[in-house]
């Protein structure tokens, strides 16, 4: 009787082991390609590039990230992200990763915007950037071109307790790489 219970127990353990192995293999087969497609590689200076290919359309996607100078390489620090698809800039955004004040002006089409001050090297300008769900500000293409051509880049935006300044050092980005991935060329202010 005990031999029968031990035998049944061994069979049940073997089945459980086979099921767990199958689940692990299935998980790895689906997770690894997704992880392997979005690998961080240095893009020059303090920039990091993430490249992937859309599995359905074959579109080549690139994402360039620049952390703020006061950042400690964490997800909570301010950053600028450029999203590109098939050699064209799709979106560039500033993510303060902190609570922002609400929008302070309407855009041309009535969308909420925040007035920001930008310093690119020794040039100062004001811009109205689209305020997206209180999480980030969508930058315009002209400012993005100034960013990739600048040594020093600062953004002053409205925080809950007043103005906040995020400082970036964009110098050193591989201009050939960003030109190929996003169709961008630097612009001096």
N, C-alpha and C. Protein backbone atom coordinates (compact mmCIF):
# COMPACT_ATOMS: atom_id res chain seq x y z
N UNK A 1 0.82 -1.19 0.00
CA UNK A 1 0.00 0.00 0.00
C UNK A 1 0.87 1.26 0.00
N UNK A 2 1.91 1.26 0.86
CA UNK A 2 2.82 2.40 0.90
C UNK A 2 3.58 2.56 -0.40
N UNK A 3 3.93 1.46 -1.03
CA UNK A 3 4.64 1.51 -2.30
C UNK A 3 3.76 2.15 -3.37
N UNK A 4 2.46 1.87 -3.31
CA UNK A 4 1.53 2.44 -4.27
C UNK A 4 1.41 3.96 -4.08
N UNK A 5 1.33 4.41 -2.79
CA UNK A 5 1.25 5.84 -2.50
C UNK A 5 2.52 6.55 -2.96
N UNK A 6 3.66 5.96 -2.70
CA UNK A 6 4.93 6.55 -3.11
C UNK A 6 5.01 6.64 -4.62
N UNK A 7 4.54 5.58 -5.31
CA UNK A 7 4.54 5.58 -6.77
C UNK A 7 3.61 6.67 -7.31
N UNK A 8 2.40 6.80 -6.75
CA UNK A 8 1.46 7.85 -7.17
C UNK A 8 2.03 9.24 -6.89
N UNK A 9 2.68 9.36 -5.76
CA UNK A 9 3.29 10.63 -5.39
C UNK A 9 4.40 11.00 -6.38
N UNK A 10 5.21 10.04 -6.79
CA UNK A 10 6.27 10.28 -7.75
C UNK A 10 5.70 10.68 -9.11
N UNK A 11 4.63 10.02 -9.53
CA UNK A 11 3.99 10.34 -10.80
C UNK A 11 3.43 11.76 -10.75
N UNK A 12 2.78 12.13 -9.65
CA UNK A 12 2.21 13.47 -9.51
C UNK A 12 3.31 14.53 -9.50
N UNK A 13 4.42 14.23 -8.81
CA UNK A 13 5.54 15.17 -8.79
C UNK A 13 6.15 15.33 -10.18
N UNK A 14 6.25 14.24 -10.92
CA UNK A 14 6.81 14.29 -12.28
C UNK A 14 5.90 15.12 -13.19
N UNK A 15 4.59 14.94 -13.06
CA UNK A 15 3.66 15.73 -13.87
C UNK A 15 3.74 17.22 -13.51
N UNK A 16 3.81 17.50 -12.22
CA UNK A 16 3.92 18.88 -11.78
C UNK A 16 5.21 19.50 -12.31
N UNK A 17 6.28 18.75 -12.23
CA UNK A 17 7.57 19.23 -12.74
C UNK A 17 7.49 19.49 -14.25
N UNK A 18 6.85 18.61 -14.98
CA UNK A 18 6.71 18.78 -16.43
C UNK A 18 5.87 20.02 -16.75
N UNK A 19 4.81 20.23 -15.99
CA UNK A 19 3.97 21.42 -16.21
C UNK A 19 4.74 22.70 -15.90
N UNK A 20 5.47 22.72 -14.79
CA UNK A 20 6.25 23.89 -14.44
C UNK A 20 7.34 24.16 -15.48
N UNK A 21 7.96 23.12 -15.97
CA UNK A 21 8.98 23.27 -17.01
C UNK A 21 8.38 23.84 -18.28
N UNK A 22 7.20 23.35 -18.66
CA UNK A 22 6.53 23.85 -19.85
C UNK A 22 6.17 25.33 -19.68
N UNK A 23 5.69 25.69 -18.50
CA UNK A 23 5.35 27.10 -18.24
C UNK A 23 6.60 27.97 -18.29
N UNK A 24 7.69 27.49 -17.72
CA UNK A 24 8.94 28.25 -17.74
C UNK A 24 9.45 28.43 -19.18
N UNK A 25 9.40 27.38 -19.96
CA UNK A 25 9.84 27.46 -21.36
C UNK A 25 8.96 28.43 -22.14
N UNK A 26 7.65 28.36 -21.93
CA UNK A 26 6.72 29.27 -22.61
C UNK A 26 7.00 30.72 -22.21
N UNK A 27 7.21 30.94 -20.92
CA UNK A 27 7.51 32.29 -20.44
C UNK A 27 8.80 32.82 -21.07
N UNK A 28 9.85 32.02 -21.05
CA UNK A 28 11.12 32.44 -21.62
C UNK A 28 11.02 32.68 -23.13
N UNK A 29 10.25 31.84 -23.80
CA UNK A 29 10.11 31.99 -25.25
C UNK A 29 9.40 33.30 -25.61
N UNK A 30 8.49 33.75 -24.76
CA UNK A 30 7.79 35.00 -25.05
C UNK A 30 8.50 36.21 -24.47
N UNK A 31 9.15 36.07 -23.34
CA UNK A 31 9.76 37.22 -22.66
C UNK A 31 11.11 37.59 -23.24
N UNK A 32 11.93 36.63 -23.57
CA UNK A 32 13.28 36.95 -24.02
C UNK A 32 13.33 37.76 -25.31
N UNK A 33 12.55 37.44 -26.33
CA UNK A 33 12.59 38.29 -27.52
C UNK A 33 12.18 39.73 -27.23
N UNK A 34 11.20 39.91 -26.35
CA UNK A 34 10.76 41.26 -26.01
C UNK A 34 11.86 41.99 -25.25
N UNK A 35 12.54 41.30 -24.34
CA UNK A 35 13.62 41.93 -23.60
C UNK A 35 14.82 42.21 -24.49
N UNK A 36 15.12 41.31 -25.37
CA UNK A 36 16.29 41.46 -26.22
C UNK A 36 16.13 42.60 -27.22
N UNK A 37 14.90 42.98 -27.54
CA UNK A 37 14.69 44.02 -28.53
C UNK A 37 14.94 45.42 -27.99
N UNK A 38 14.90 45.63 -26.69
CA UNK A 38 15.01 46.95 -26.12
C UNK A 38 16.25 47.03 -25.23
N UNK A 39 17.41 46.91 -25.84
CA UNK A 39 18.67 46.88 -25.11
C UNK A 39 19.28 48.28 -25.11
N UNK A 40 19.74 48.71 -23.94
CA UNK A 40 20.35 50.03 -23.82
C UNK A 40 21.79 49.99 -24.31
N UNK A 41 22.12 50.95 -25.18
CA UNK A 41 23.50 51.09 -25.64
C UNK A 41 23.89 52.56 -25.54
N UNK A 42 25.15 52.86 -25.22
CA UNK A 42 25.58 54.25 -25.15
C UNK A 42 25.47 54.91 -26.53
N UNK A 43 24.99 56.16 -26.53
CA UNK A 43 24.82 56.89 -27.79
C UNK A 43 25.71 58.12 -27.85
N UNK A 44 26.72 58.17 -26.99
CA UNK A 44 27.62 59.30 -26.94
C UNK A 44 27.24 60.27 -25.84
N UNK A 45 28.23 60.82 -25.17
CA UNK A 45 27.96 61.73 -24.06
C UNK A 45 27.19 61.01 -22.97
N UNK A 46 26.17 61.67 -22.45
CA UNK A 46 25.34 61.07 -21.40
C UNK A 46 24.07 60.44 -21.96
N UNK A 47 23.99 60.28 -23.26
CA UNK A 47 22.81 59.73 -23.93
C UNK A 47 22.84 58.21 -23.94
N UNK A 48 21.64 57.62 -23.89
CA UNK A 48 21.47 56.18 -24.02
C UNK A 48 20.44 55.93 -25.12
N UNK A 49 20.71 54.93 -25.96
CA UNK A 49 19.79 54.59 -27.04
C UNK A 49 19.19 53.21 -26.78
N UNK A 50 17.91 53.09 -27.06
CA UNK A 50 17.20 51.82 -26.99
C UNK A 50 16.62 51.58 -28.38
N UNK A 51 16.96 50.47 -29.00
CA UNK A 51 16.48 50.18 -30.36
C UNK A 51 15.64 48.92 -30.37
N UNK A 52 14.66 48.89 -31.25
CA UNK A 52 13.84 47.70 -31.40
C UNK A 52 13.21 47.72 -32.79
N UNK A 53 12.56 46.64 -33.11
CA UNK A 53 11.85 46.54 -34.37
C UNK A 53 10.44 46.04 -34.07
N UNK A 54 9.45 46.71 -34.62
CA UNK A 54 8.07 46.29 -34.43
C UNK A 54 7.89 44.93 -35.10
N UNK A 55 7.44 43.95 -34.35
CA UNK A 55 7.35 42.59 -34.87
C UNK A 55 6.25 42.44 -35.92
N UNK A 56 5.26 43.30 -35.88
CA UNK A 56 4.17 43.20 -36.86
C UNK A 56 4.47 43.97 -38.14
N UNK A 57 4.97 45.21 -38.00
CA UNK A 57 5.15 46.05 -39.17
C UNK A 57 6.59 46.09 -39.68
N UNK A 58 7.53 45.68 -38.85
CA UNK A 58 8.94 45.75 -39.22
C UNK A 58 9.52 47.15 -39.08
N UNK A 59 8.76 48.07 -38.50
CA UNK A 59 9.24 49.44 -38.32
C UNK A 59 10.40 49.46 -37.33
N UNK A 60 11.44 50.20 -37.68
CA UNK A 60 12.59 50.33 -36.79
C UNK A 60 12.32 51.49 -35.84
N UNK A 61 12.40 51.18 -34.55
CA UNK A 61 12.12 52.19 -33.52
C UNK A 61 13.37 52.45 -32.71
N UNK A 62 13.56 53.70 -32.35
CA UNK A 62 14.69 54.09 -31.51
C UNK A 62 14.18 55.07 -30.45
N UNK A 63 14.76 54.95 -29.28
CA UNK A 63 14.44 55.86 -28.18
C UNK A 63 15.77 56.34 -27.59
N UNK A 64 15.95 57.65 -27.53
CA UNK A 64 17.15 58.24 -26.95
C UNK A 64 16.76 58.90 -25.64
N UNK A 65 17.52 58.61 -24.58
CA UNK A 65 17.22 59.18 -23.27
C UNK A 65 18.43 59.93 -22.73
N UNK A 66 18.15 61.07 -22.10
CA UNK A 66 19.18 61.88 -21.45
C UNK A 66 18.69 62.22 -20.05
N UNK A 67 19.42 61.73 -19.04
CA UNK A 67 19.06 62.02 -17.66
C UNK A 67 19.56 63.40 -17.26
N UNK A 68 18.84 64.04 -16.35
CA UNK A 68 19.26 65.34 -15.84
C UNK A 68 20.59 65.19 -15.11
N UNK A 69 21.36 66.28 -15.07
CA UNK A 69 22.67 66.23 -14.43
C UNK A 69 22.59 65.90 -12.94
N UNK A 70 21.52 66.30 -12.29
CA UNK A 70 21.38 66.00 -10.87
C UNK A 70 20.74 64.63 -10.63
N UNK A 71 20.59 63.85 -11.68
CA UNK A 71 19.97 62.53 -11.57
C UNK A 71 20.97 61.51 -11.06
N UNK A 72 20.44 60.51 -10.40
CA UNK A 72 21.28 59.43 -9.91
C UNK A 72 20.88 58.13 -10.59
N UNK A 73 20.70 58.18 -11.91
CA UNK A 73 20.38 57.01 -12.72
C UNK A 73 19.18 56.23 -12.17
N UNK A 74 18.09 56.96 -11.93
CA UNK A 74 16.89 56.30 -11.43
C UNK A 74 15.70 56.71 -12.27
N UNK A 75 14.62 55.97 -12.14
CA UNK A 75 13.42 56.26 -12.90
C UNK A 75 12.72 57.52 -12.39
N UNK A 76 13.06 57.99 -11.18
CA UNK A 76 12.40 59.16 -10.63
C UNK A 76 13.08 60.47 -11.00
N UNK A 77 14.17 60.43 -11.73
CA UNK A 77 14.87 61.66 -12.07
C UNK A 77 14.34 62.24 -13.38
N UNK A 78 14.53 63.54 -13.54
CA UNK A 78 14.08 64.20 -14.76
C UNK A 78 14.86 63.66 -15.96
N UNK A 79 14.19 63.58 -17.10
CA UNK A 79 14.85 63.11 -18.31
C UNK A 79 14.18 63.67 -19.54
N UNK A 80 14.93 63.64 -20.62
CA UNK A 80 14.40 64.00 -21.93
C UNK A 80 14.44 62.73 -22.77
N UNK A 81 13.34 62.43 -23.45
CA UNK A 81 13.25 61.22 -24.26
C UNK A 81 12.85 61.60 -25.68
N UNK A 82 13.58 61.08 -26.66
CA UNK A 82 13.25 61.26 -28.06
C UNK A 82 12.78 59.92 -28.61
N UNK A 83 11.60 59.88 -29.22
CA UNK A 83 11.04 58.67 -29.81
C UNK A 83 11.08 58.81 -31.33
N UNK A 84 11.69 57.84 -31.99
CA UNK A 84 11.84 57.90 -33.45
C UNK A 84 11.38 56.58 -34.07
N UNK A 85 10.78 56.68 -35.26
CA UNK A 85 10.34 55.50 -36.01
C UNK A 85 10.73 55.66 -37.46
N UNK A 86 11.39 54.65 -37.98
CA UNK A 86 11.80 54.62 -39.40
C UNK A 86 12.49 55.91 -39.85
N UNK A 87 13.41 56.40 -39.04
CA UNK A 87 14.21 57.55 -39.43
C UNK A 87 13.55 58.90 -39.24
N UNK A 88 12.42 58.96 -38.53
CA UNK A 88 11.73 60.23 -38.30
C UNK A 88 11.44 60.41 -36.82
N UNK A 89 11.57 61.64 -36.35
CA UNK A 89 11.22 61.97 -34.97
C UNK A 89 9.71 61.91 -34.82
N UNK A 90 9.24 61.10 -33.88
CA UNK A 90 7.79 61.00 -33.62
C UNK A 90 7.39 61.93 -32.48
N UNK A 91 8.23 61.97 -31.43
CA UNK A 91 7.89 62.73 -30.24
C UNK A 91 9.15 62.98 -29.44
N UNK A 92 9.29 64.16 -28.92
CA UNK A 92 10.35 64.41 -27.94
C UNK A 92 9.64 64.99 -26.72
N UNK A 93 9.96 64.42 -25.57
CA UNK A 93 9.29 64.92 -24.39
C UNK A 93 10.23 65.11 -23.22
N UNK A 94 9.82 66.03 -22.36
CA UNK A 94 10.52 66.33 -21.12
C UNK A 94 9.70 65.74 -20.00
N UNK A 95 10.31 64.84 -19.26
CA UNK A 95 9.64 64.20 -18.13
C UNK A 95 10.30 64.65 -16.84
N UNK A 96 9.67 65.56 -16.13
CA UNK A 96 10.27 66.02 -14.88
C UNK A 96 10.23 64.95 -13.78
N UNK A 97 9.34 63.97 -13.93
CA UNK A 97 9.17 62.89 -12.95
C UNK A 97 8.98 63.44 -11.54
N UNK A 98 8.24 64.51 -11.48
CA UNK A 98 7.79 65.10 -10.23
C UNK A 98 6.48 65.80 -10.53
N UNK A 99 5.77 66.14 -9.51
CA UNK A 99 4.49 66.83 -9.71
C UNK A 99 4.74 68.20 -10.32
N UNK A 100 4.01 68.48 -11.39
CA UNK A 100 4.08 69.79 -12.04
C UNK A 100 2.85 70.60 -11.65
N UNK A 101 2.97 71.91 -11.78
CA UNK A 101 1.79 72.75 -11.66
C UNK A 101 0.92 72.47 -12.89
N UNK A 102 -0.29 72.89 -12.86
CA UNK A 102 -1.18 72.65 -14.00
C UNK A 102 -0.79 73.49 -15.21
N UNK A 103 -1.45 73.25 -16.33
CA UNK A 103 -1.16 74.04 -17.52
C UNK A 103 -1.48 75.51 -17.26
N UNK A 104 -0.72 76.40 -17.90
CA UNK A 104 -0.93 77.81 -17.63
C UNK A 104 -1.31 78.62 -18.87
N UNK A 105 -1.62 77.92 -19.96
CA UNK A 105 -2.08 78.61 -21.16
C UNK A 105 -2.69 77.59 -22.12
N UNK A 106 -3.59 78.06 -22.99
CA UNK A 106 -4.11 77.16 -24.02
C UNK A 106 -3.23 77.22 -25.26
N UNK A 107 -3.14 76.12 -25.97
CA UNK A 107 -2.41 76.08 -27.23
C UNK A 107 -3.28 76.61 -28.35
N UNK A 108 -2.77 76.59 -29.56
CA UNK A 108 -3.50 77.10 -30.72
C UNK A 108 -4.84 76.41 -30.90
N UNK A 109 -4.88 75.10 -30.68
CA UNK A 109 -6.12 74.33 -30.84
C UNK A 109 -6.85 74.15 -29.52
N UNK A 110 -6.43 74.86 -28.49
CA UNK A 110 -7.10 74.78 -27.19
C UNK A 110 -6.54 73.71 -26.26
N UNK A 111 -5.54 72.96 -26.70
CA UNK A 111 -4.96 71.93 -25.84
C UNK A 111 -4.20 72.60 -24.69
N UNK A 112 -4.15 71.98 -23.52
CA UNK A 112 -3.44 72.59 -22.40
C UNK A 112 -1.93 72.62 -22.63
N UNK A 113 -1.33 73.75 -22.30
CA UNK A 113 0.11 73.90 -22.44
C UNK A 113 0.70 74.51 -21.17
N UNK A 114 2.01 74.33 -21.04
CA UNK A 114 2.74 75.00 -19.98
C UNK A 114 3.82 75.86 -20.63
N UNK A 115 3.89 77.09 -20.18
CA UNK A 115 4.94 78.00 -20.64
C UNK A 115 6.22 77.63 -19.92
N UNK A 116 7.28 77.35 -20.68
CA UNK A 116 8.58 77.01 -20.10
C UNK A 116 9.64 77.96 -20.64
N UNK A 117 10.69 78.15 -19.88
CA UNK A 117 11.85 78.90 -20.34
C UNK A 117 12.96 77.90 -20.61
N UNK A 118 13.64 78.08 -21.73
CA UNK A 118 14.69 77.16 -22.15
C UNK A 118 15.98 77.94 -22.33
N UNK A 119 17.05 77.37 -21.82
CA UNK A 119 18.38 77.93 -22.08
C UNK A 119 19.18 76.86 -22.81
N UNK A 120 19.59 77.17 -24.04
CA UNK A 120 20.46 76.31 -24.82
C UNK A 120 21.76 77.08 -25.01
N UNK A 121 22.79 76.66 -24.29
CA UNK A 121 24.06 77.38 -24.22
C UNK A 121 23.79 78.80 -23.73
N UNK A 122 24.03 79.83 -24.53
CA UNK A 122 23.83 81.22 -24.08
C UNK A 122 22.56 81.84 -24.63
N UNK A 123 21.69 81.07 -25.22
CA UNK A 123 20.45 81.57 -25.79
C UNK A 123 19.27 81.21 -24.88
N UNK A 124 18.38 82.17 -24.67
CA UNK A 124 17.19 81.96 -23.85
C UNK A 124 15.94 82.14 -24.71
N UNK A 125 14.94 81.29 -24.48
CA UNK A 125 13.68 81.42 -25.21
C UNK A 125 12.54 80.86 -24.37
N UNK A 126 11.33 81.28 -24.68
CA UNK A 126 10.13 80.78 -24.02
C UNK A 126 9.34 79.95 -25.01
N UNK A 127 8.75 78.86 -24.52
CA UNK A 127 7.98 77.96 -25.37
C UNK A 127 6.71 77.54 -24.65
N UNK A 128 5.68 77.24 -25.43
CA UNK A 128 4.47 76.64 -24.90
C UNK A 128 4.47 75.17 -25.29
N UNK A 129 4.74 74.28 -24.33
CA UNK A 129 4.79 72.84 -24.61
C UNK A 129 3.50 72.19 -24.17
N UNK A 130 3.02 71.26 -24.98
CA UNK A 130 1.78 70.56 -24.64
C UNK A 130 1.95 69.79 -23.33
N UNK A 131 0.97 69.98 -22.46
CA UNK A 131 0.95 69.39 -21.14
C UNK A 131 0.18 68.07 -21.28
N UNK A 132 0.84 66.95 -21.04
CA UNK A 132 0.23 65.64 -21.29
C UNK A 132 -0.07 64.94 -19.96
N UNK A 133 -1.33 64.99 -19.57
CA UNK A 133 -1.83 64.30 -18.38
C UNK A 133 -1.05 64.59 -17.10
N UNK A 134 -0.39 65.72 -17.03
CA UNK A 134 0.36 66.07 -15.83
C UNK A 134 1.62 65.25 -15.63
N UNK A 135 1.98 64.44 -16.63
CA UNK A 135 3.14 63.56 -16.48
C UNK A 135 4.36 64.05 -17.24
N UNK A 136 4.15 64.65 -18.42
CA UNK A 136 5.29 65.16 -19.18
C UNK A 136 4.85 66.28 -20.09
N UNK A 137 5.85 66.97 -20.66
CA UNK A 137 5.61 68.06 -21.59
C UNK A 137 6.18 67.66 -22.94
N UNK A 138 5.39 67.78 -23.99
CA UNK A 138 5.83 67.44 -25.35
C UNK A 138 6.60 68.64 -25.91
N UNK A 139 7.86 68.40 -26.25
CA UNK A 139 8.74 69.46 -26.77
C UNK A 139 8.51 69.64 -28.27
N UNK A 140 8.81 70.84 -28.76
CA UNK A 140 8.71 71.09 -30.19
C UNK A 140 10.01 70.65 -30.88
N UNK A 141 9.95 70.43 -32.20
CA UNK A 141 11.09 69.91 -32.95
C UNK A 141 12.25 70.90 -32.98
N UNK A 142 11.97 72.20 -33.07
CA UNK A 142 13.04 73.20 -33.08
C UNK A 142 13.86 73.17 -31.80
N UNK A 143 13.19 73.07 -30.67
CA UNK A 143 13.90 72.99 -29.40
C UNK A 143 14.69 71.69 -29.30
N UNK A 144 14.14 70.61 -29.84
CA UNK A 144 14.86 69.33 -29.85
C UNK A 144 16.14 69.44 -30.65
N UNK A 145 16.09 70.12 -31.79
CA UNK A 145 17.29 70.32 -32.61
C UNK A 145 18.32 71.18 -31.87
N UNK A 146 17.85 72.20 -31.12
CA UNK A 146 18.76 73.01 -30.31
C UNK A 146 19.40 72.15 -29.21
N UNK A 147 18.61 71.27 -28.63
CA UNK A 147 19.09 70.38 -27.57
C UNK A 147 20.28 69.55 -28.04
N UNK A 148 20.16 68.91 -29.20
CA UNK A 148 21.23 68.00 -29.63
C UNK A 148 22.48 68.75 -30.09
N UNK A 149 22.35 70.07 -30.31
CA UNK A 149 23.51 70.86 -30.70
C UNK A 149 24.12 71.66 -29.57
N UNK A 150 23.54 71.55 -28.36
CA UNK A 150 23.98 72.38 -27.24
C UNK A 150 24.96 71.65 -26.32
N UNK A 151 25.74 72.44 -25.61
CA UNK A 151 26.62 71.92 -24.55
C UNK A 151 25.85 71.91 -23.23
N UNK A 152 25.06 72.95 -23.01
CA UNK A 152 24.30 73.13 -21.78
C UNK A 152 22.83 73.35 -22.15
N UNK A 153 21.93 72.69 -21.45
CA UNK A 153 20.50 72.82 -21.75
C UNK A 153 19.74 72.82 -20.43
N UNK A 154 18.99 73.90 -20.20
CA UNK A 154 18.20 74.01 -18.96
C UNK A 154 16.75 74.29 -19.31
N UNK A 155 15.87 73.71 -18.51
CA UNK A 155 14.43 73.92 -18.67
C UNK A 155 13.88 74.42 -17.34
N UNK A 156 13.23 75.57 -17.38
CA UNK A 156 12.55 76.08 -16.19
C UNK A 156 11.05 75.88 -16.41
N UNK A 157 10.42 75.14 -15.51
CA UNK A 157 8.99 74.85 -15.61
C UNK A 157 8.34 75.12 -14.26
N UNK A 158 7.01 75.15 -14.27
CA UNK A 158 6.26 75.46 -13.05
C UNK A 158 6.04 74.19 -12.23
N UNK A 159 6.57 74.21 -11.03
CA UNK A 159 6.32 73.13 -10.07
C UNK A 159 5.21 73.56 -9.13
N UNK A 160 4.79 72.69 -8.22
CA UNK A 160 3.68 73.04 -7.32
C UNK A 160 4.02 74.19 -6.37
N UNK A 161 5.31 74.41 -6.10
CA UNK A 161 5.72 75.47 -5.18
C UNK A 161 6.49 76.59 -5.87
N UNK A 162 6.40 76.65 -7.19
CA UNK A 162 7.11 77.69 -7.92
C UNK A 162 8.01 77.11 -8.99
N UNK A 163 8.84 77.96 -9.59
CA UNK A 163 9.69 77.51 -10.70
C UNK A 163 10.71 76.45 -10.27
N UNK A 164 10.92 75.50 -11.18
CA UNK A 164 11.90 74.43 -10.98
C UNK A 164 12.78 74.40 -12.22
N UNK A 165 14.08 74.18 -12.03
CA UNK A 165 15.01 74.12 -13.16
C UNK A 165 15.63 72.73 -13.25
N UNK A 166 15.53 72.15 -14.44
CA UNK A 166 16.19 70.88 -14.72
C UNK A 166 17.36 71.18 -15.64
N UNK A 167 18.54 70.66 -15.31
CA UNK A 167 19.75 70.96 -16.09
C UNK A 167 20.26 69.70 -16.76
N UNK A 168 20.61 69.82 -18.04
CA UNK A 168 21.08 68.68 -18.83
C UNK A 168 22.39 69.03 -19.53
N UNK A 169 23.19 68.00 -19.79
CA UNK A 169 24.44 68.14 -20.57
C UNK A 169 24.32 67.25 -21.80
N UNK A 170 23.74 67.77 -22.89
CA UNK A 170 23.48 66.95 -24.07
C UNK A 170 24.69 66.76 -25.00
N UNK A 171 25.79 67.43 -24.74
CA UNK A 171 26.94 67.36 -25.64
C UNK A 171 27.47 65.93 -25.74
N UNK A 172 27.98 65.59 -26.90
CA UNK A 172 28.62 64.29 -27.09
C UNK A 172 27.78 63.25 -27.77
N UNK A 173 26.51 63.55 -28.04
CA UNK A 173 25.66 62.56 -28.72
C UNK A 173 26.23 62.29 -30.11
N UNK A 174 26.15 61.06 -30.54
CA UNK A 174 26.61 60.67 -31.87
C UNK A 174 25.63 61.24 -32.89
N UNK A 175 26.03 62.33 -33.55
CA UNK A 175 25.13 63.03 -34.47
C UNK A 175 24.75 62.19 -35.68
N UNK A 176 25.65 61.33 -36.15
CA UNK A 176 25.32 60.44 -37.27
C UNK A 176 24.23 59.46 -36.86
N UNK A 177 24.33 58.94 -35.66
CA UNK A 177 23.35 57.96 -35.16
C UNK A 177 21.97 58.59 -35.03
N UNK A 178 21.91 59.80 -34.45
CA UNK A 178 20.59 60.43 -34.25
C UNK A 178 20.03 60.93 -35.58
N UNK A 179 20.91 61.30 -36.52
CA UNK A 179 20.44 61.70 -37.84
C UNK A 179 19.82 60.52 -38.57
N UNK A 180 20.46 59.36 -38.48
CA UNK A 180 19.94 58.17 -39.13
C UNK A 180 18.65 57.65 -38.48
N UNK A 181 18.62 57.66 -37.16
CA UNK A 181 17.46 57.12 -36.42
C UNK A 181 16.27 58.06 -36.39
N UNK A 182 16.53 59.39 -36.38
CA UNK A 182 15.45 60.36 -36.18
C UNK A 182 15.33 61.43 -37.26
N UNK A 183 16.31 61.49 -38.16
CA UNK A 183 16.27 62.54 -39.17
C UNK A 183 16.53 63.92 -38.60
N UNK A 184 17.26 64.01 -37.49
CA UNK A 184 17.52 65.29 -36.83
C UNK A 184 18.94 65.78 -37.10
N UNK A 185 19.07 67.08 -37.29
CA UNK A 185 20.38 67.70 -37.36
C UNK A 185 20.40 68.79 -36.29
N UNK A 186 21.57 69.04 -35.72
CA UNK A 186 21.63 70.06 -34.67
C UNK A 186 21.37 71.47 -35.22
N UNK A 187 20.84 72.30 -34.36
CA UNK A 187 20.55 73.69 -34.74
C UNK A 187 21.11 74.59 -33.65
N UNK A 188 21.92 75.51 -34.03
CA UNK A 188 22.44 76.48 -33.04
C UNK A 188 21.39 77.54 -32.81
N UNK A 189 21.14 77.86 -31.55
CA UNK A 189 20.12 78.87 -31.24
C UNK A 189 20.47 80.26 -31.73
